[in-house]
Amino acid sequence: MSGCPYYNDPCNKNNCPHKVDSKPPCGLFNFLKHINRELADFPNEKKLITKLKEEYVETWKKEKESHAPGRATGTTFEKWIKKQIGVHDENRKTTGTVNFTFGKFAVDLALPSRETPRVILEIKLGIDTQHALALGGLLDYKPEHTEKLGLVTLYKRAEEPPVGKILRDLKENKHKDRFDYFIIEGENGWSNAIQRLKKFCTL
């Protein structure tokens, strides 16, 4: 790319190093590249996709000068997912520390509550090998009440090796019927992925 196409709008980050070709693209650039492609591929999903795009960009504008805008935008994606599956948790009864058999661990979503988590979700914009392997550990030491653990991620690169191989192995072999993963971006459309996630979370 010749400079960043989003530098003046919507980012306008002061002294942004990503304006020049020598720097790799930032999180906003990657997000908008994927989102704009999804809008073109799934015009019938425009309302759903645009809502996440607006919320992500709004968060980026607020956090663009911070050292960790990725954490804030990840939280925005997490909140967006919870809205889609109908979770409203003003008192944070479903988010935070859960007692696994190895000790306490903070989770993104526990249903119906952190005290009796029958379904646990990890919600990430993207996932790397280390986090994929950690999911197996969480399943091995899951809380007594937990029946299922799921991963929700935006980017379909989670299907690529080695991450995709690890996730498929957890789902099809090691933890069959107890683990599933949901990739929002992809061929089947956002609504289908969310409907499948809702079914997984049904208690």
N, C-alpha and C. Protein backbone atom coordinates (compact mmCIF):
# COMPACT_ATOMS: atom_id res chain seq x y z
N MET A 1 0.84 -1.19 0.00
CA MET A 1 0.00 0.00 0.00
C MET A 1 0.88 1.24 0.00
N SER A 2 0.38 2.31 -0.52
CA SER A 2 1.11 3.56 -0.54
C SER A 2 0.58 4.43 0.59
N GLY A 3 1.21 4.29 1.77
CA GLY A 3 0.66 4.93 2.94
C GLY A 3 -0.60 4.21 3.39
N CYS A 4 -1.19 4.65 4.48
CA CYS A 4 -2.41 4.02 4.98
C CYS A 4 -3.65 4.73 4.42
N PRO A 5 -4.55 4.00 3.78
CA PRO A 5 -5.74 4.64 3.21
C PRO A 5 -6.72 5.15 4.25
N TYR A 6 -6.52 4.76 5.51
CA TYR A 6 -7.46 5.17 6.56
C TYR A 6 -6.86 6.22 7.48
N TYR A 7 -5.70 6.79 7.08
CA TYR A 7 -5.03 7.72 7.99
C TYR A 7 -5.86 8.95 8.30
N ASN A 8 -6.43 9.59 7.32
CA ASN A 8 -7.22 10.79 7.57
C ASN A 8 -8.64 10.47 8.03
N ASP A 9 -9.13 9.34 7.63
CA ASP A 9 -10.49 8.94 7.99
C ASP A 9 -10.60 7.42 7.89
N PRO A 10 -10.87 6.74 9.01
CA PRO A 10 -11.35 7.27 10.29
C PRO A 10 -10.29 7.43 11.37
N CYS A 11 -9.02 7.12 11.10
CA CYS A 11 -8.05 7.02 12.20
C CYS A 11 -7.47 8.36 12.64
N ASN A 12 -6.65 8.99 11.79
CA ASN A 12 -6.03 10.26 12.12
C ASN A 12 -5.20 10.20 13.40
N LYS A 13 -4.47 9.10 13.56
CA LYS A 13 -3.60 8.94 14.72
C LYS A 13 -2.39 9.86 14.58
N ASN A 14 -2.04 10.57 15.63
CA ASN A 14 -0.89 11.47 15.59
C ASN A 14 0.41 10.70 15.38
N ASN A 15 1.22 11.16 14.45
CA ASN A 15 2.53 10.56 14.20
C ASN A 15 2.45 9.05 13.98
N CYS A 16 1.46 8.62 13.24
CA CYS A 16 1.25 7.18 13.03
C CYS A 16 2.38 6.59 12.18
N PRO A 17 3.08 5.55 12.68
CA PRO A 17 4.18 4.96 11.91
C PRO A 17 3.70 4.12 10.73
N HIS A 18 2.41 3.80 10.70
CA HIS A 18 1.87 2.93 9.66
C HIS A 18 1.47 3.71 8.40
N LYS A 19 1.73 5.01 8.39
CA LYS A 19 1.40 5.80 7.20
C LYS A 19 2.33 5.48 6.04
N VAL A 20 3.47 4.89 6.34
CA VAL A 20 4.47 4.64 5.30
C VAL A 20 4.58 3.15 5.02
N ASP A 21 5.12 2.82 3.85
CA ASP A 21 5.19 1.43 3.42
C ASP A 21 6.10 0.57 4.28
N SER A 22 7.02 1.17 5.00
CA SER A 22 8.00 0.40 5.76
C SER A 22 7.40 -0.27 7.00
N LYS A 23 6.20 0.12 7.38
CA LYS A 23 5.57 -0.45 8.57
C LYS A 23 4.43 -1.38 8.17
N PRO A 24 4.25 -2.49 8.90
CA PRO A 24 3.11 -3.38 8.60
C PRO A 24 1.81 -2.69 8.98
N PRO A 25 0.71 -3.10 8.38
CA PRO A 25 -0.58 -2.47 8.70
C PRO A 25 -0.99 -2.72 10.15
N CYS A 26 -1.77 -1.80 10.70
CA CYS A 26 -2.20 -1.91 12.09
C CYS A 26 -3.52 -2.69 12.18
N GLY A 27 -4.03 -2.80 13.41
CA GLY A 27 -5.27 -3.54 13.64
C GLY A 27 -6.46 -2.96 12.90
N LEU A 28 -6.55 -1.64 12.83
CA LEU A 28 -7.67 -1.01 12.14
C LEU A 28 -7.63 -1.34 10.65
N PHE A 29 -6.43 -1.25 10.06
CA PHE A 29 -6.29 -1.55 8.63
C PHE A 29 -6.74 -2.99 8.35
N ASN A 30 -6.26 -3.94 9.15
CA ASN A 30 -6.63 -5.34 8.95
C ASN A 30 -8.13 -5.56 9.13
N PHE A 31 -8.68 -4.94 10.16
CA PHE A 31 -10.11 -5.09 10.42
C PHE A 31 -10.93 -4.58 9.25
N LEU A 32 -10.65 -3.36 8.79
CA LEU A 32 -11.44 -2.77 7.71
C LEU A 32 -11.25 -3.52 6.39
N LYS A 33 -10.06 -4.07 6.17
CA LYS A 33 -9.85 -4.87 4.96
C LYS A 33 -10.79 -6.07 4.95
N HIS A 34 -10.90 -6.74 6.08
CA HIS A 34 -11.78 -7.89 6.18
C HIS A 34 -13.25 -7.47 6.12
N ILE A 35 -13.60 -6.44 6.87
CA ILE A 35 -14.99 -6.02 6.96
C ILE A 35 -15.52 -5.51 5.63
N ASN A 36 -14.74 -4.72 4.94
CA ASN A 36 -15.20 -4.20 3.65
C ASN A 36 -15.37 -5.32 2.63
N ARG A 37 -14.53 -6.33 2.71
CA ARG A 37 -14.70 -7.49 1.84
C ARG A 37 -15.97 -8.27 2.19
N GLU A 38 -16.25 -8.39 3.47
CA GLU A 38 -17.46 -9.09 3.90
C GLU A 38 -18.71 -8.33 3.47
N LEU A 39 -18.67 -7.01 3.53
CA LEU A 39 -19.80 -6.20 3.08
C LEU A 39 -20.07 -6.41 1.59
N ALA A 40 -19.00 -6.58 0.83
CA ALA A 40 -19.17 -6.83 -0.61
C ALA A 40 -19.67 -8.24 -0.88
N ASP A 41 -19.22 -9.20 -0.09
CA ASP A 41 -19.60 -10.60 -0.31
C ASP A 41 -20.98 -10.94 0.22
N PHE A 42 -21.41 -10.24 1.28
CA PHE A 42 -22.68 -10.55 1.92
C PHE A 42 -23.54 -9.28 2.06
N PRO A 43 -24.07 -8.76 0.95
CA PRO A 43 -24.86 -7.52 1.02
C PRO A 43 -26.11 -7.67 1.87
N ASN A 44 -26.64 -8.88 1.99
CA ASN A 44 -27.82 -9.10 2.81
C ASN A 44 -27.50 -9.04 4.31
N GLU A 45 -26.21 -9.04 4.65
CA GLU A 45 -25.79 -8.96 6.05
C GLU A 45 -25.32 -7.56 6.40
N LYS A 46 -25.63 -6.59 5.55
CA LYS A 46 -25.07 -5.24 5.70
C LYS A 46 -25.34 -4.64 7.07
N LYS A 47 -26.54 -4.74 7.56
CA LYS A 47 -26.90 -4.12 8.84
C LYS A 47 -26.07 -4.70 9.98
N LEU A 48 -25.94 -6.01 9.99
CA LEU A 48 -25.20 -6.71 11.04
C LEU A 48 -23.72 -6.36 10.99
N ILE A 49 -23.13 -6.41 9.81
CA ILE A 49 -21.70 -6.14 9.64
C ILE A 49 -21.39 -4.67 9.93
N THR A 50 -22.25 -3.78 9.42
CA THR A 50 -22.02 -2.34 9.61
C THR A 50 -22.06 -1.96 11.08
N LYS A 51 -22.91 -2.60 11.85
CA LYS A 51 -23.00 -2.29 13.28
C LYS A 51 -21.68 -2.59 13.98
N LEU A 52 -21.09 -3.74 13.70
CA LEU A 52 -19.79 -4.05 14.31
C LEU A 52 -18.73 -3.08 13.80
N LYS A 53 -18.76 -2.77 12.52
CA LYS A 53 -17.79 -1.83 11.94
C LYS A 53 -17.86 -0.49 12.65
N GLU A 54 -19.05 0.03 12.85
CA GLU A 54 -19.22 1.33 13.50
C GLU A 54 -18.70 1.31 14.93
N GLU A 55 -19.02 0.24 15.66
CA GLU A 55 -18.61 0.15 17.05
C GLU A 55 -17.10 -0.01 17.18
N TYR A 56 -16.52 -0.79 16.28
CA TYR A 56 -15.06 -0.97 16.29
C TYR A 56 -14.36 0.35 16.00
N VAL A 57 -14.78 1.04 14.94
CA VAL A 57 -14.14 2.30 14.54
C VAL A 57 -14.30 3.35 15.64
N GLU A 58 -15.46 3.40 16.27
CA GLU A 58 -15.67 4.35 17.36
C GLU A 58 -14.69 4.09 18.51
N THR A 59 -14.49 2.81 18.84
CA THR A 59 -13.54 2.46 19.89
C THR A 59 -12.12 2.82 19.49
N TRP A 60 -11.77 2.53 18.23
CA TRP A 60 -10.42 2.85 17.76
C TRP A 60 -10.14 4.35 17.85
N LYS A 61 -11.11 5.16 17.49
CA LYS A 61 -10.92 6.61 17.55
C LYS A 61 -10.66 7.06 18.98
N LYS A 62 -11.32 6.45 19.93
CA LYS A 62 -11.14 6.83 21.33
C LYS A 62 -9.79 6.37 21.87
N GLU A 63 -9.33 5.19 21.38
CA GLU A 63 -8.14 4.56 21.95
C GLU A 63 -6.91 4.65 21.07
N LYS A 64 -7.00 5.36 19.95
CA LYS A 64 -5.92 5.31 18.95
C LYS A 64 -4.57 5.78 19.47
N GLU A 65 -4.55 6.65 20.47
CA GLU A 65 -3.28 7.14 20.99
C GLU A 65 -2.78 6.30 22.17
N SER A 66 -3.54 5.30 22.58
CA SER A 66 -3.12 4.46 23.70
C SER A 66 -2.10 3.44 23.22
N HIS A 67 -1.46 2.77 24.16
CA HIS A 67 -0.45 1.76 23.81
C HIS A 67 -1.09 0.41 23.49
N ALA A 68 -2.35 0.24 23.81
CA ALA A 68 -2.99 -1.06 23.59
C ALA A 68 -4.41 -0.91 23.06
N PRO A 69 -4.57 -0.31 21.86
CA PRO A 69 -5.93 -0.19 21.31
C PRO A 69 -6.56 -1.54 21.00
N GLY A 70 -5.71 -2.57 20.77
CA GLY A 70 -6.22 -3.90 20.48
C GLY A 70 -7.06 -4.48 21.61
N ARG A 71 -6.68 -4.19 22.83
CA ARG A 71 -7.44 -4.69 23.97
C ARG A 71 -8.85 -4.08 23.99
N ALA A 72 -8.92 -2.79 23.72
CA ALA A 72 -10.22 -2.10 23.72
C ALA A 72 -11.10 -2.58 22.58
N THR A 73 -10.51 -2.76 21.39
CA THR A 73 -11.32 -3.22 20.25
C THR A 73 -11.74 -4.66 20.44
N GLY A 74 -10.90 -5.45 21.11
CA GLY A 74 -11.29 -6.83 21.43
C GLY A 74 -12.49 -6.86 22.36
N THR A 75 -12.51 -5.95 23.33
CA THR A 75 -13.66 -5.85 24.23
C THR A 75 -14.91 -5.41 23.48
N THR A 76 -14.74 -4.54 22.49
CA THR A 76 -15.88 -4.12 21.66
C THR A 76 -16.47 -5.31 20.92
N PHE A 77 -15.63 -6.17 20.35
CA PHE A 77 -16.10 -7.37 19.66
C PHE A 77 -16.82 -8.30 20.64
N GLU A 78 -16.28 -8.44 21.82
CA GLU A 78 -16.89 -9.27 22.85
C GLU A 78 -18.29 -8.77 23.19
N LYS A 79 -18.43 -7.47 23.39
CA LYS A 79 -19.74 -6.90 23.71
C LYS A 79 -20.72 -7.09 22.55
N TRP A 80 -20.22 -6.95 21.33
CA TRP A 80 -21.07 -7.12 20.15
C TRP A 80 -21.60 -8.55 20.07
N ILE A 81 -20.75 -9.52 20.32
CA ILE A 81 -21.17 -10.92 20.32
C ILE A 81 -22.24 -11.16 21.38
N LYS A 82 -22.03 -10.63 22.56
CA LYS A 82 -23.01 -10.83 23.64
C LYS A 82 -24.37 -10.25 23.26
N LYS A 83 -24.37 -9.11 22.59
CA LYS A 83 -25.64 -8.53 22.13
C LYS A 83 -26.33 -9.45 21.14
N GLN A 84 -25.56 -10.05 20.25
CA GLN A 84 -26.14 -10.89 19.21
C GLN A 84 -26.79 -12.14 19.78
N ILE A 85 -26.27 -12.64 20.88
CA ILE A 85 -26.86 -13.85 21.47
C ILE A 85 -27.79 -13.54 22.64
N GLY A 86 -28.05 -12.24 22.85
CA GLY A 86 -29.06 -11.84 23.82
C GLY A 86 -28.60 -11.82 25.26
N VAL A 87 -27.31 -11.63 25.50
CA VAL A 87 -26.79 -11.56 26.87
C VAL A 87 -26.66 -10.10 27.28
N HIS A 88 -27.36 -9.73 28.32
CA HIS A 88 -27.28 -8.37 28.88
C HIS A 88 -26.87 -8.51 30.34
N ASP A 89 -25.66 -8.07 30.64
CA ASP A 89 -25.10 -8.36 31.96
C ASP A 89 -24.54 -7.09 32.59
N GLU A 90 -25.44 -6.23 33.04
CA GLU A 90 -25.00 -4.99 33.67
C GLU A 90 -24.26 -5.25 34.98
N ASN A 91 -24.59 -6.34 35.68
CA ASN A 91 -23.97 -6.64 36.96
C ASN A 91 -22.78 -7.59 36.86
N ARG A 92 -22.37 -7.92 35.62
CA ARG A 92 -21.22 -8.77 35.36
C ARG A 92 -21.31 -10.13 36.03
N LYS A 93 -22.50 -10.69 36.08
CA LYS A 93 -22.67 -12.03 36.65
C LYS A 93 -22.16 -13.12 35.72
N THR A 94 -22.00 -12.79 34.45
CA THR A 94 -21.58 -13.80 33.47
C THR A 94 -20.16 -13.59 32.95
N THR A 95 -19.46 -12.60 33.46
CA THR A 95 -18.11 -12.29 32.99
C THR A 95 -17.17 -12.17 34.17
N GLY A 96 -15.98 -12.77 34.03
CA GLY A 96 -14.98 -12.64 35.08
C GLY A 96 -14.44 -13.99 35.52
N THR A 97 -14.02 -14.07 36.77
CA THR A 97 -13.31 -15.23 37.28
C THR A 97 -14.24 -16.41 37.53
N VAL A 98 -13.81 -17.58 37.04
CA VAL A 98 -14.53 -18.84 37.24
C VAL A 98 -13.57 -19.82 37.91
N ASN A 99 -14.11 -20.66 38.78
CA ASN A 99 -13.29 -21.64 39.49
C ASN A 99 -13.13 -22.93 38.67
N PHE A 100 -11.99 -23.04 37.97
CA PHE A 100 -11.63 -24.29 37.32
C PHE A 100 -11.00 -25.21 38.35
N THR A 101 -10.81 -26.47 38.00
CA THR A 101 -10.23 -27.40 38.97
C THR A 101 -8.76 -27.08 39.26
N PHE A 102 -8.08 -26.35 38.36
CA PHE A 102 -6.69 -25.97 38.61
C PHE A 102 -6.59 -24.65 39.37
N GLY A 103 -7.69 -23.93 39.50
CA GLY A 103 -7.70 -22.63 40.15
C GLY A 103 -8.59 -21.65 39.42
N LYS A 104 -8.49 -20.38 39.75
CA LYS A 104 -9.35 -19.37 39.17
C LYS A 104 -8.82 -18.90 37.81
N PHE A 105 -9.77 -18.63 36.90
CA PHE A 105 -9.41 -18.17 35.56
C PHE A 105 -10.51 -17.26 35.05
N ALA A 106 -10.11 -16.12 34.48
CA ALA A 106 -11.09 -15.15 33.98
C ALA A 106 -11.57 -15.56 32.59
N VAL A 107 -12.88 -15.66 32.42
CA VAL A 107 -13.46 -16.05 31.13
C VAL A 107 -14.27 -14.88 30.57
N ASP A 108 -14.51 -14.93 29.27
CA ASP A 108 -15.25 -13.85 28.61
C ASP A 108 -16.75 -13.96 28.83
N LEU A 109 -17.26 -15.19 28.92
CA LEU A 109 -18.69 -15.37 29.14
C LEU A 109 -18.95 -16.72 29.77
N ALA A 110 -19.73 -16.74 30.85
CA ALA A 110 -20.12 -17.97 31.53
C ALA A 110 -21.63 -17.95 31.71
N LEU A 111 -22.29 -18.97 31.20
CA LEU A 111 -23.76 -19.04 31.26
C LEU A 111 -24.21 -20.27 32.05
N PRO A 112 -25.20 -20.11 32.92
CA PRO A 112 -25.97 -18.90 33.18
C PRO A 112 -25.28 -17.88 34.09
N SER A 113 -24.18 -18.29 34.77
CA SER A 113 -23.48 -17.35 35.63
C SER A 113 -22.08 -17.88 35.92
N ARG A 114 -21.24 -17.05 36.53
CA ARG A 114 -19.90 -17.48 36.91
C ARG A 114 -19.93 -18.53 38.01
N GLU A 115 -20.98 -18.52 38.83
CA GLU A 115 -21.07 -19.48 39.93
C GLU A 115 -21.42 -20.88 39.42
N THR A 116 -22.26 -20.98 38.41
CA THR A 116 -22.66 -22.27 37.84
C THR A 116 -22.52 -22.22 36.32
N PRO A 117 -21.28 -22.22 35.82
CA PRO A 117 -21.06 -22.03 34.38
C PRO A 117 -21.25 -23.31 33.57
N ARG A 118 -22.43 -23.49 33.05
CA ARG A 118 -22.69 -24.69 32.23
C ARG A 118 -22.10 -24.54 30.83
N VAL A 119 -22.07 -23.29 30.32
CA VAL A 119 -21.44 -23.01 29.03
C VAL A 119 -20.45 -21.86 29.23
N ILE A 120 -19.23 -22.05 28.73
CA ILE A 120 -18.20 -21.02 28.81
C ILE A 120 -17.77 -20.66 27.39
N LEU A 121 -17.67 -19.35 27.13
CA LEU A 121 -17.21 -18.88 25.83
C LEU A 121 -15.94 -18.04 25.99
N GLU A 122 -14.99 -18.29 25.12
CA GLU A 122 -13.85 -17.40 24.94
C GLU A 122 -14.10 -16.65 23.64
N ILE A 123 -14.07 -15.31 23.68
CA ILE A 123 -14.44 -14.48 22.54
C ILE A 123 -13.23 -13.62 22.15
N LYS A 124 -12.67 -13.89 20.96
CA LYS A 124 -11.45 -13.23 20.54
C LYS A 124 -11.58 -12.77 19.08
N LEU A 125 -11.05 -11.57 18.78
CA LEU A 125 -11.01 -11.13 17.39
C LEU A 125 -10.22 -12.12 16.54
N GLY A 126 -9.07 -12.52 17.03
CA GLY A 126 -8.24 -13.51 16.36
C GLY A 126 -7.64 -14.44 17.39
N ILE A 127 -7.11 -15.56 16.94
CA ILE A 127 -6.54 -16.54 17.87
C ILE A 127 -5.24 -17.09 17.31
N ASP A 128 -4.23 -17.25 18.18
CA ASP A 128 -2.96 -17.81 17.74
C ASP A 128 -2.80 -19.22 18.30
N THR A 129 -1.67 -19.84 17.99
CA THR A 129 -1.43 -21.23 18.40
C THR A 129 -1.45 -21.39 19.91
N GLN A 130 -0.84 -20.47 20.61
CA GLN A 130 -0.77 -20.56 22.07
C GLN A 130 -2.16 -20.56 22.69
N HIS A 131 -3.03 -19.67 22.22
CA HIS A 131 -4.38 -19.61 22.77
C HIS A 131 -5.20 -20.84 22.38
N ALA A 132 -4.98 -21.35 21.18
CA ALA A 132 -5.69 -22.56 20.76
C ALA A 132 -5.32 -23.75 21.64
N LEU A 133 -4.04 -23.89 21.94
CA LEU A 133 -3.60 -24.98 22.81
C LEU A 133 -4.16 -24.82 24.22
N ALA A 134 -4.26 -23.58 24.69
CA ALA A 134 -4.78 -23.32 26.03
C ALA A 134 -6.23 -23.76 26.19
N LEU A 135 -6.99 -23.75 25.10
CA LEU A 135 -8.39 -24.18 25.17
C LEU A 135 -8.48 -25.64 25.61
N GLY A 136 -7.55 -26.46 25.14
CA GLY A 136 -7.53 -27.86 25.57
C GLY A 136 -7.32 -27.99 27.06
N GLY A 137 -6.45 -27.14 27.61
CA GLY A 137 -6.22 -27.15 29.05
C GLY A 137 -7.45 -26.74 29.84
N LEU A 138 -8.16 -25.75 29.34
CA LEU A 138 -9.39 -25.32 30.01
C LEU A 138 -10.43 -26.45 30.02
N LEU A 139 -10.49 -27.19 28.92
CA LEU A 139 -11.44 -28.30 28.85
C LEU A 139 -11.03 -29.43 29.79
N ASP A 140 -9.74 -29.68 29.90
CA ASP A 140 -9.25 -30.74 30.80
C ASP A 140 -9.54 -30.43 32.26
N TYR A 141 -9.56 -29.14 32.59
CA TYR A 141 -9.75 -28.74 33.99
C TYR A 141 -11.01 -27.90 34.17
N LYS A 142 -12.03 -28.20 33.39
CA LYS A 142 -13.26 -27.41 33.41
C LYS A 142 -13.95 -27.51 34.77
N PRO A 143 -14.74 -26.48 35.12
CA PRO A 143 -15.50 -26.52 36.37
C PRO A 143 -16.50 -27.68 36.37
N GLU A 144 -16.89 -28.08 37.55
CA GLU A 144 -17.78 -29.23 37.72
C GLU A 144 -19.07 -29.09 36.92
N HIS A 145 -19.65 -27.88 36.89
CA HIS A 145 -20.95 -27.68 36.26
C HIS A 145 -20.86 -27.52 34.73
N THR A 146 -19.65 -27.30 34.22
CA THR A 146 -19.52 -26.93 32.81
C THR A 146 -19.74 -28.12 31.88
N GLU A 147 -20.65 -27.95 30.95
CA GLU A 147 -20.95 -28.99 29.96
C GLU A 147 -20.25 -28.73 28.63
N LYS A 148 -20.07 -27.43 28.28
CA LYS A 148 -19.51 -27.10 26.98
C LYS A 148 -18.62 -25.86 27.08
N LEU A 149 -17.60 -25.83 26.22
CA LEU A 149 -16.75 -24.66 26.09
C LEU A 149 -16.63 -24.32 24.61
N GLY A 150 -16.79 -23.04 24.28
CA GLY A 150 -16.74 -22.63 22.89
C GLY A 150 -15.80 -21.47 22.67
N LEU A 151 -15.31 -21.38 21.45
CA LEU A 151 -14.48 -20.26 21.02
C LEU A 151 -15.23 -19.49 19.94
N VAL A 152 -15.27 -18.16 20.08
CA VAL A 152 -15.84 -17.30 19.06
C VAL A 152 -14.74 -16.38 18.57
N THR A 153 -14.52 -16.35 17.26
CA THR A 153 -13.50 -15.48 16.69
C THR A 153 -14.02 -14.84 15.41
N LEU A 154 -13.52 -13.67 15.08
CA LEU A 154 -14.02 -12.97 13.89
C LEU A 154 -13.38 -13.49 12.62
N TYR A 155 -12.07 -13.69 12.63
CA TYR A 155 -11.34 -13.91 11.39
C TYR A 155 -11.26 -15.38 11.00
N LYS A 156 -11.54 -15.68 9.74
CA LYS A 156 -11.54 -17.07 9.28
C LYS A 156 -10.14 -17.64 9.12
N ARG A 157 -9.10 -16.83 9.35
CA ARG A 157 -7.75 -17.40 9.33
C ARG A 157 -7.56 -18.41 10.46
N ALA A 158 -8.52 -18.44 11.41
CA ALA A 158 -8.48 -19.46 12.47
C ALA A 158 -8.63 -20.86 11.89
N GLU A 159 -9.09 -20.98 10.66
CA GLU A 159 -9.22 -22.28 10.02
C GLU A 159 -7.90 -22.78 9.46
N GLU A 160 -6.90 -21.89 9.35
CA GLU A 160 -5.62 -22.25 8.75
C GLU A 160 -4.73 -22.96 9.77
N PRO A 161 -3.83 -23.85 9.28
CA PRO A 161 -2.90 -24.51 10.21
C PRO A 161 -1.89 -23.51 10.76
N PRO A 162 -1.38 -23.75 11.99
CA PRO A 162 -1.70 -24.89 12.85
C PRO A 162 -2.94 -24.71 13.71
N VAL A 163 -3.45 -23.47 13.81
CA VAL A 163 -4.59 -23.21 14.69
C VAL A 163 -5.80 -24.05 14.29
N GLY A 164 -6.11 -24.06 13.00
CA GLY A 164 -7.27 -24.81 12.53
C GLY A 164 -7.18 -26.28 12.86
N LYS A 165 -5.99 -26.86 12.75
CA LYS A 165 -5.81 -28.28 13.07
C LYS A 165 -6.07 -28.54 14.55
N ILE A 166 -5.59 -27.65 15.40
CA ILE A 166 -5.81 -27.81 16.84
C ILE A 166 -7.30 -27.72 17.17
N LEU A 167 -7.99 -26.74 16.60
CA LEU A 167 -9.42 -26.56 16.89
C LEU A 167 -10.23 -27.75 16.39
N ARG A 168 -9.92 -28.24 15.21
CA ARG A 168 -10.65 -29.39 14.68
C ARG A 168 -10.40 -30.64 15.52
N ASP A 169 -9.17 -30.79 16.00
CA ASP A 169 -8.86 -31.94 16.84
C ASP A 169 -9.62 -31.89 18.15
N LEU A 170 -9.71 -30.69 18.74
CA LEU A 170 -10.48 -30.55 19.98
C LEU A 170 -11.95 -30.88 19.75
N LYS A 171 -12.48 -30.42 18.63
CA LYS A 171 -13.91 -30.60 18.34
C LYS A 171 -14.25 -32.02 17.93
N GLU A 172 -13.41 -32.62 17.12
CA GLU A 172 -13.76 -33.91 16.52
C GLU A 172 -13.21 -35.11 17.28
N ASN A 173 -12.19 -34.90 18.10
CA ASN A 173 -11.55 -36.05 18.76
C ASN A 173 -11.46 -35.90 20.27
N LYS A 174 -10.60 -35.01 20.72
CA LYS A 174 -10.28 -34.95 22.15
C LYS A 174 -11.47 -34.55 23.02
N HIS A 175 -12.29 -33.62 22.53
CA HIS A 175 -13.40 -33.14 23.36
C HIS A 175 -14.69 -33.09 22.55
N LYS A 176 -14.95 -34.15 21.85
CA LYS A 176 -16.15 -34.24 21.01
C LYS A 176 -17.40 -34.02 21.85
N ASP A 177 -18.30 -33.21 21.34
CA ASP A 177 -19.58 -32.86 21.98
C ASP A 177 -19.42 -31.92 23.17
N ARG A 178 -18.19 -31.54 23.50
CA ARG A 178 -17.98 -30.61 24.61
C ARG A 178 -17.33 -29.31 24.15
N PHE A 179 -16.83 -29.29 22.90
CA PHE A 179 -16.16 -28.10 22.39
C PHE A 179 -16.63 -27.81 20.97
N ASP A 180 -16.78 -26.50 20.68
CA ASP A 180 -17.05 -26.08 19.31
C ASP A 180 -16.46 -24.69 19.12
N TYR A 181 -16.21 -24.32 17.87
CA TYR A 181 -15.70 -22.99 17.58
C TYR A 181 -16.54 -22.35 16.48
N PHE A 182 -16.62 -21.03 16.56
CA PHE A 182 -17.52 -20.26 15.70
C PHE A 182 -16.74 -19.12 15.07
N ILE A 183 -16.62 -19.15 13.75
CA ILE A 183 -15.91 -18.12 13.01
C ILE A 183 -16.95 -17.24 12.31
N ILE A 184 -17.01 -15.99 12.70
CA ILE A 184 -18.06 -15.10 12.18
C ILE A 184 -17.84 -14.79 10.70
N GLU A 185 -16.62 -14.48 10.34
CA GLU A 185 -16.28 -14.20 8.95
C GLU A 185 -16.27 -15.51 8.17
N GLY A 186 -16.77 -15.49 6.95
CA GLY A 186 -16.65 -16.70 6.17
C GLY A 186 -17.75 -16.93 5.16
N GLU A 187 -17.74 -18.12 4.57
CA GLU A 187 -18.59 -18.43 3.44
C GLU A 187 -20.07 -18.55 3.77
N ASN A 188 -20.40 -18.94 4.98
CA ASN A 188 -21.79 -19.24 5.31
C ASN A 188 -22.60 -18.03 5.76
N GLY A 189 -21.96 -16.90 5.94
CA GLY A 189 -22.69 -15.71 6.35
C GLY A 189 -22.70 -15.52 7.85
N TRP A 190 -22.72 -14.27 8.28
CA TRP A 190 -22.65 -13.94 9.69
C TRP A 190 -23.86 -14.43 10.48
N SER A 191 -25.03 -14.30 9.91
CA SER A 191 -26.25 -14.71 10.62
C SER A 191 -26.24 -16.20 10.92
N ASN A 192 -25.76 -17.00 9.99
CA ASN A 192 -25.71 -18.44 10.22
C ASN A 192 -24.76 -18.79 11.35
N ALA A 193 -23.60 -18.13 11.39
CA ALA A 193 -22.65 -18.39 12.47
C ALA A 193 -23.25 -18.00 13.82
N ILE A 194 -23.95 -16.89 13.86
CA ILE A 194 -24.55 -16.43 15.12
C ILE A 194 -25.68 -17.34 15.55
N GLN A 195 -26.49 -17.81 14.62
CA GLN A 195 -27.55 -18.74 14.96
C GLN A 195 -27.00 -20.04 15.52
N ARG A 196 -25.90 -20.52 14.95
CA ARG A 196 -25.27 -21.74 15.46
C ARG A 196 -24.71 -21.50 16.86
N LEU A 197 -24.18 -20.31 17.09
CA LEU A 197 -23.67 -19.96 18.41
C LEU A 197 -24.80 -19.89 19.43
N LYS A 198 -25.92 -19.30 19.05
CA LYS A 198 -27.07 -19.23 19.95
C LYS A 198 -27.53 -20.63 20.36
N LYS A 199 -27.56 -21.53 19.41
CA LYS A 199 -27.98 -22.91 19.70
C LYS A 199 -27.00 -23.57 20.67
N PHE A 200 -25.73 -23.31 20.47
CA PHE A 200 -24.70 -23.88 21.35
C PHE A 200 -24.88 -23.38 22.78
N CYS A 201 -25.29 -22.12 22.92
CA CYS A 201 -25.42 -21.50 24.25
C CYS A 201 -26.75 -21.81 24.92
N THR A 202 -27.67 -22.43 24.22
CA THR A 202 -28.97 -22.74 24.80
C THR A 202 -28.81 -23.74 25.94
N LEU A 203 -29.38 -23.41 27.08
CA LEU A 203 -29.25 -24.26 28.27
C LEU A 203 -30.48 -25.16 28.44
